[in-house]
Each structure stands twice: as structure tokens, then as C-alpha cells.
Amino acid sequence: MFSINKSEHTALINLGERLKRRRLQAREPQARTAARLGVSLPTYRKLEKGDPGTPIGTWMRALRLYGSLEPLDALLPESLFDDASDRQRAPRSTR
């Protein structure tokens, strides 16, 4: 099983704490936020604790609920995967 290192764990904990602050600013109880995200209360609590096993899709819904998905673009820029953007691609065959 893949495990995370200490700095990754700290980053997840910090992310969970920021999520909690946003929820509290919105004056929402955990149960209501969990319902809005479509997850169980225990799953939502895992988000706030920075549990590394929480699905990324749940995080995406939380980001959309309390902000924007735009910061995710900076995590994995397209150029990381498309380093040959200057090269022409072979045309697709049409059938």
C-alpha cells in the first residue's frame, strides 16, 4: 500500500482545517455540509481531519461548494502531460 510522507500528511491536515474554517464561516453544521456534498457525516469528518483515504471526487465537490475548482488546474498543469504541444499530432482517422 502506498503511504504518504509527513509533509503530505501535514498538507492534508491543513486543507481539512481550511475546509472547516470555510464551513464555520458559512455557519453550517457538519451534517448539513455532508448532506450538501452527498456524503455521510463520517466521510465529511474525514475531510476535515485530512484523512488521505478520502476520495478526490469528494474534495472536488467541497471545493466547488465553498469556492472554485480553478486552483486544481495549478496542481497538474496541462503542459506536464502535453510536453509535445508544439508538435503536430497525427490526424485521427474518420470512419
N, C-alpha and C. Protein backbone atom coordinates (compact mmCIF):
# COMPACT_ATOMS: atom_id res chain seq x y z
N MET A 1 0.83 -1.18 0.00
CA MET A 1 0.00 0.00 0.00
C MET A 1 0.88 1.24 0.00
N PHE A 2 0.52 2.19 -0.80
CA PHE A 2 1.24 3.45 -0.88
C PHE A 2 0.92 4.28 0.35
N SER A 3 1.94 4.88 0.93
CA SER A 3 1.69 5.72 2.11
C SER A 3 2.22 7.12 1.82
N ILE A 4 1.68 8.07 2.55
CA ILE A 4 2.11 9.45 2.36
C ILE A 4 3.17 9.81 3.39
N ASN A 5 3.99 10.80 3.05
CA ASN A 5 5.04 11.21 3.98
C ASN A 5 4.50 12.29 4.92
N LYS A 6 5.35 12.72 5.82
CA LYS A 6 4.91 13.66 6.85
C LYS A 6 4.46 15.00 6.26
N SER A 7 5.18 15.53 5.29
CA SER A 7 4.79 16.82 4.72
C SER A 7 3.47 16.71 3.95
N GLU A 8 3.24 15.59 3.28
CA GLU A 8 1.96 15.38 2.59
C GLU A 8 0.82 15.29 3.60
N HIS A 9 1.08 14.58 4.70
CA HIS A 9 0.06 14.45 5.74
C HIS A 9 -0.26 15.81 6.35
N THR A 10 0.76 16.60 6.59
CA THR A 10 0.56 17.95 7.13
C THR A 10 -0.26 18.80 6.16
N ALA A 11 0.03 18.69 4.87
CA ALA A 11 -0.72 19.45 3.87
C ALA A 11 -2.19 19.06 3.87
N LEU A 12 -2.49 17.77 4.01
CA LEU A 12 -3.88 17.31 4.06
C LEU A 12 -4.58 17.81 5.32
N ILE A 13 -3.88 17.79 6.43
CA ILE A 13 -4.45 18.30 7.68
C ILE A 13 -4.76 19.79 7.53
N ASN A 14 -3.85 20.54 6.94
CA ASN A 14 -4.08 21.98 6.73
C ASN A 14 -5.25 22.21 5.79
N LEU A 15 -5.38 21.39 4.76
CA LEU A 15 -6.51 21.51 3.84
C LEU A 15 -7.82 21.27 4.58
N GLY A 16 -7.85 20.24 5.42
CA GLY A 16 -9.03 19.94 6.21
C GLY A 16 -9.39 21.07 7.16
N GLU A 17 -8.38 21.68 7.74
CA GLU A 17 -8.63 22.81 8.65
C GLU A 17 -9.19 24.01 7.90
N ARG A 18 -8.70 24.25 6.68
CA ARG A 18 -9.25 25.36 5.88
C ARG A 18 -10.69 25.08 5.50
N LEU A 19 -10.98 23.82 5.17
CA LEU A 19 -12.36 23.45 4.86
C LEU A 19 -13.26 23.71 6.07
N LYS A 20 -12.79 23.32 7.23
CA LYS A 20 -13.57 23.53 8.45
C LYS A 20 -13.82 25.02 8.69
N ARG A 21 -12.79 25.84 8.49
CA ARG A 21 -12.97 27.29 8.67
C ARG A 21 -14.01 27.84 7.70
N ARG A 22 -13.98 27.39 6.45
CA ARG A 22 -14.98 27.85 5.46
C ARG A 22 -16.38 27.43 5.87
N ARG A 23 -16.50 26.20 6.37
CA ARG A 23 -17.82 25.73 6.82
C ARG A 23 -18.31 26.56 7.98
N LEU A 24 -17.44 26.85 8.92
CA LEU A 24 -17.82 27.65 10.08
C LEU A 24 -18.16 29.08 9.68
N GLN A 25 -17.44 29.64 8.72
CA GLN A 25 -17.77 30.97 8.22
C GLN A 25 -19.17 30.99 7.61
N ALA A 26 -19.54 29.87 6.98
CA ALA A 26 -20.87 29.76 6.38
C ALA A 26 -21.93 29.41 7.42
N ARG A 27 -21.49 29.19 8.66
CA ARG A 27 -22.38 28.85 9.78
C ARG A 27 -23.20 27.60 9.49
N GLU A 28 -22.52 26.61 8.97
CA GLU A 28 -23.18 25.33 8.67
C GLU A 28 -22.67 24.24 9.60
N PRO A 29 -23.55 23.42 10.12
CA PRO A 29 -23.09 22.26 10.88
C PRO A 29 -22.52 21.21 9.93
N GLN A 30 -21.69 20.34 10.46
CA GLN A 30 -21.09 19.30 9.64
C GLN A 30 -22.14 18.46 8.91
N ALA A 31 -23.23 18.14 9.59
CA ALA A 31 -24.25 17.28 8.99
C ALA A 31 -24.86 17.93 7.75
N ARG A 32 -25.08 19.24 7.80
CA ARG A 32 -25.67 19.91 6.63
C ARG A 32 -24.67 19.95 5.48
N THR A 33 -23.43 20.24 5.79
CA THR A 33 -22.41 20.27 4.74
C THR A 33 -22.24 18.89 4.12
N ALA A 34 -22.23 17.87 4.95
CA ALA A 34 -22.13 16.50 4.43
C ALA A 34 -23.28 16.20 3.49
N ALA A 35 -24.48 16.58 3.88
CA ALA A 35 -25.65 16.35 3.02
C ALA A 35 -25.53 17.11 1.71
N ARG A 36 -25.05 18.34 1.77
CA ARG A 36 -24.88 19.13 0.54
C ARG A 36 -23.84 18.52 -0.39
N LEU A 37 -22.86 17.86 0.20
CA LEU A 37 -21.82 17.19 -0.61
C LEU A 37 -22.26 15.81 -1.08
N GLY A 38 -23.31 15.29 -0.47
CA GLY A 38 -23.78 13.95 -0.83
C GLY A 38 -22.95 12.84 -0.22
N VAL A 39 -22.39 13.12 0.96
CA VAL A 39 -21.59 12.11 1.65
C VAL A 39 -22.12 11.92 3.07
N SER A 40 -21.69 10.85 3.69
CA SER A 40 -22.09 10.60 5.08
C SER A 40 -21.34 11.55 6.00
N LEU A 41 -21.86 11.71 7.20
CA LEU A 41 -21.19 12.55 8.19
C LEU A 41 -19.79 12.03 8.51
N PRO A 42 -19.61 10.70 8.71
CA PRO A 42 -18.24 10.22 8.95
C PRO A 42 -17.28 10.54 7.80
N THR A 43 -17.75 10.47 6.57
CA THR A 43 -16.88 10.80 5.43
C THR A 43 -16.52 12.28 5.46
N TYR A 44 -17.51 13.13 5.76
CA TYR A 44 -17.21 14.55 5.84
C TYR A 44 -16.19 14.84 6.95
N ARG A 45 -16.34 14.18 8.07
CA ARG A 45 -15.40 14.38 9.18
C ARG A 45 -13.99 13.99 8.76
N LYS A 46 -13.88 12.97 7.91
CA LYS A 46 -12.56 12.57 7.40
C LYS A 46 -11.94 13.71 6.58
N LEU A 47 -12.76 14.42 5.82
CA LEU A 47 -12.25 15.57 5.06
C LEU A 47 -11.63 16.59 6.01
N GLU A 48 -12.38 16.95 7.03
CA GLU A 48 -11.89 17.97 7.96
C GLU A 48 -10.66 17.51 8.74
N LYS A 49 -10.49 16.21 8.89
CA LYS A 49 -9.31 15.69 9.59
C LYS A 49 -8.12 15.50 8.66
N GLY A 50 -8.34 15.65 7.35
CA GLY A 50 -7.26 15.47 6.41
C GLY A 50 -6.92 14.01 6.15
N ASP A 51 -7.91 13.15 6.24
CA ASP A 51 -7.70 11.72 6.01
C ASP A 51 -7.27 11.50 4.55
N PRO A 52 -6.13 10.85 4.33
CA PRO A 52 -5.65 10.65 2.96
C PRO A 52 -6.49 9.67 2.14
N GLY A 53 -7.38 8.95 2.77
CA GLY A 53 -8.20 7.98 2.05
C GLY A 53 -9.50 8.57 1.51
N THR A 54 -9.72 9.85 1.75
CA THR A 54 -10.95 10.48 1.27
C THR A 54 -10.87 10.65 -0.24
N PRO A 55 -11.90 10.22 -0.97
CA PRO A 55 -11.85 10.30 -2.44
C PRO A 55 -11.69 11.72 -2.97
N ILE A 56 -10.92 11.85 -4.02
CA ILE A 56 -10.69 13.16 -4.62
C ILE A 56 -11.99 13.79 -5.12
N GLY A 57 -12.93 12.96 -5.55
CA GLY A 57 -14.21 13.50 -6.00
C GLY A 57 -14.96 14.22 -4.90
N THR A 58 -14.81 13.73 -3.68
CA THR A 58 -15.45 14.39 -2.54
C THR A 58 -14.78 15.74 -2.29
N TRP A 59 -13.46 15.78 -2.40
CA TRP A 59 -12.76 17.05 -2.26
C TRP A 59 -13.18 18.03 -3.34
N MET A 60 -13.36 17.55 -4.54
CA MET A 60 -13.77 18.44 -5.63
C MET A 60 -15.13 19.05 -5.36
N ARG A 61 -16.05 18.24 -4.85
CA ARG A 61 -17.38 18.78 -4.51
C ARG A 61 -17.27 19.82 -3.40
N ALA A 62 -16.40 19.57 -2.42
CA ALA A 62 -16.21 20.54 -1.32
C ALA A 62 -15.61 21.83 -1.84
N LEU A 63 -14.64 21.73 -2.74
CA LEU A 63 -14.04 22.93 -3.32
C LEU A 63 -15.07 23.73 -4.11
N ARG A 64 -15.90 23.03 -4.85
CA ARG A 64 -16.94 23.70 -5.63
C ARG A 64 -17.97 24.35 -4.71
N LEU A 65 -18.29 23.68 -3.61
CA LEU A 65 -19.29 24.20 -2.67
C LEU A 65 -18.82 25.50 -2.02
N TYR A 66 -17.55 25.53 -1.61
CA TYR A 66 -17.05 26.68 -0.86
C TYR A 66 -16.11 27.58 -1.64
N GLY A 67 -15.99 27.35 -2.91
CA GLY A 67 -15.06 28.21 -3.64
C GLY A 67 -15.05 27.92 -5.12
N SER A 68 -13.90 27.54 -5.58
CA SER A 68 -13.68 27.40 -7.01
C SER A 68 -12.81 26.19 -7.28
N LEU A 69 -12.97 25.61 -8.45
CA LEU A 69 -12.13 24.49 -8.86
C LEU A 69 -10.87 24.96 -9.59
N GLU A 70 -10.77 26.24 -9.86
CA GLU A 70 -9.64 26.77 -10.61
C GLU A 70 -8.28 26.43 -10.00
N PRO A 71 -8.12 26.46 -8.67
CA PRO A 71 -6.79 26.13 -8.12
C PRO A 71 -6.33 24.71 -8.48
N LEU A 72 -7.24 23.82 -8.79
CA LEU A 72 -6.84 22.47 -9.17
C LEU A 72 -6.05 22.46 -10.47
N ASP A 73 -6.32 23.40 -11.35
CA ASP A 73 -5.58 23.47 -12.61
C ASP A 73 -4.10 23.67 -12.37
N ALA A 74 -3.74 24.37 -11.30
CA ALA A 74 -2.34 24.62 -11.00
C ALA A 74 -1.63 23.37 -10.47
N LEU A 75 -2.38 22.42 -9.94
CA LEU A 75 -1.77 21.21 -9.40
C LEU A 75 -1.14 20.35 -10.48
N LEU A 76 -1.85 20.17 -11.56
CA LEU A 76 -1.36 19.37 -12.68
C LEU A 76 -1.57 20.13 -13.97
N PRO A 77 -0.66 21.03 -14.27
CA PRO A 77 -0.84 21.82 -15.48
C PRO A 77 -0.82 20.93 -16.72
N GLU A 78 -1.55 21.35 -17.71
CA GLU A 78 -1.66 20.56 -18.93
C GLU A 78 -0.29 20.29 -19.53
N SER A 79 0.61 21.25 -19.44
CA SER A 79 1.94 21.08 -20.04
C SER A 79 2.71 19.93 -19.42
N LEU A 80 2.38 19.54 -18.21
CA LEU A 80 3.03 18.41 -17.57
C LEU A 80 2.83 17.14 -18.38
N PHE A 81 1.65 17.00 -18.95
CA PHE A 81 1.33 15.80 -19.72
C PHE A 81 1.48 16.02 -21.21
N ASP A 82 1.46 17.25 -21.63
CA ASP A 82 1.49 17.57 -23.05
C ASP A 82 2.75 18.35 -23.38
N ASP A 83 3.92 17.74 -23.12
CA ASP A 83 5.18 18.44 -23.36
C ASP A 83 5.49 18.59 -24.84
N ALA A 84 4.75 17.91 -25.66
CA ALA A 84 4.96 17.99 -27.10
C ALA A 84 3.88 18.86 -27.74
N SER A 85 3.48 19.91 -27.07
CA SER A 85 2.38 20.74 -27.57
C SER A 85 2.74 21.44 -28.87
N ASP A 86 4.05 21.63 -29.11
CA ASP A 86 4.46 22.28 -30.35
C ASP A 86 4.46 21.34 -31.54
N ARG A 87 4.48 20.04 -31.26
CA ARG A 87 4.47 19.06 -32.34
C ARG A 87 3.06 18.89 -32.87
N GLN A 88 2.98 18.63 -34.13
CA GLN A 88 1.67 18.36 -34.70
C GLN A 88 1.28 16.94 -34.36
N ARG A 89 0.04 16.77 -34.10
CA ARG A 89 -0.49 15.44 -33.82
C ARG A 89 -0.91 14.79 -35.11
N ALA A 90 -0.79 13.49 -35.13
CA ALA A 90 -1.23 12.74 -36.29
C ALA A 90 -2.74 12.88 -36.42
N PRO A 91 -3.24 13.10 -37.63
CA PRO A 91 -4.69 13.24 -37.79
C PRO A 91 -5.40 11.93 -37.42
N ARG A 92 -6.56 12.08 -36.83
CA ARG A 92 -7.36 10.91 -36.48
C ARG A 92 -8.05 10.40 -37.73
N SER A 93 -8.16 9.11 -37.78
CA SER A 93 -8.89 8.54 -38.90
C SER A 93 -10.38 8.66 -38.66
N THR A 94 -11.10 8.97 -39.70
CA THR A 94 -12.56 9.09 -39.57
C THR A 94 -13.18 7.91 -40.28
N ARG A 95 -14.14 7.39 -39.64
CA ARG A 95 -14.84 6.24 -40.23
C ARG A 95 -16.28 6.55 -40.43
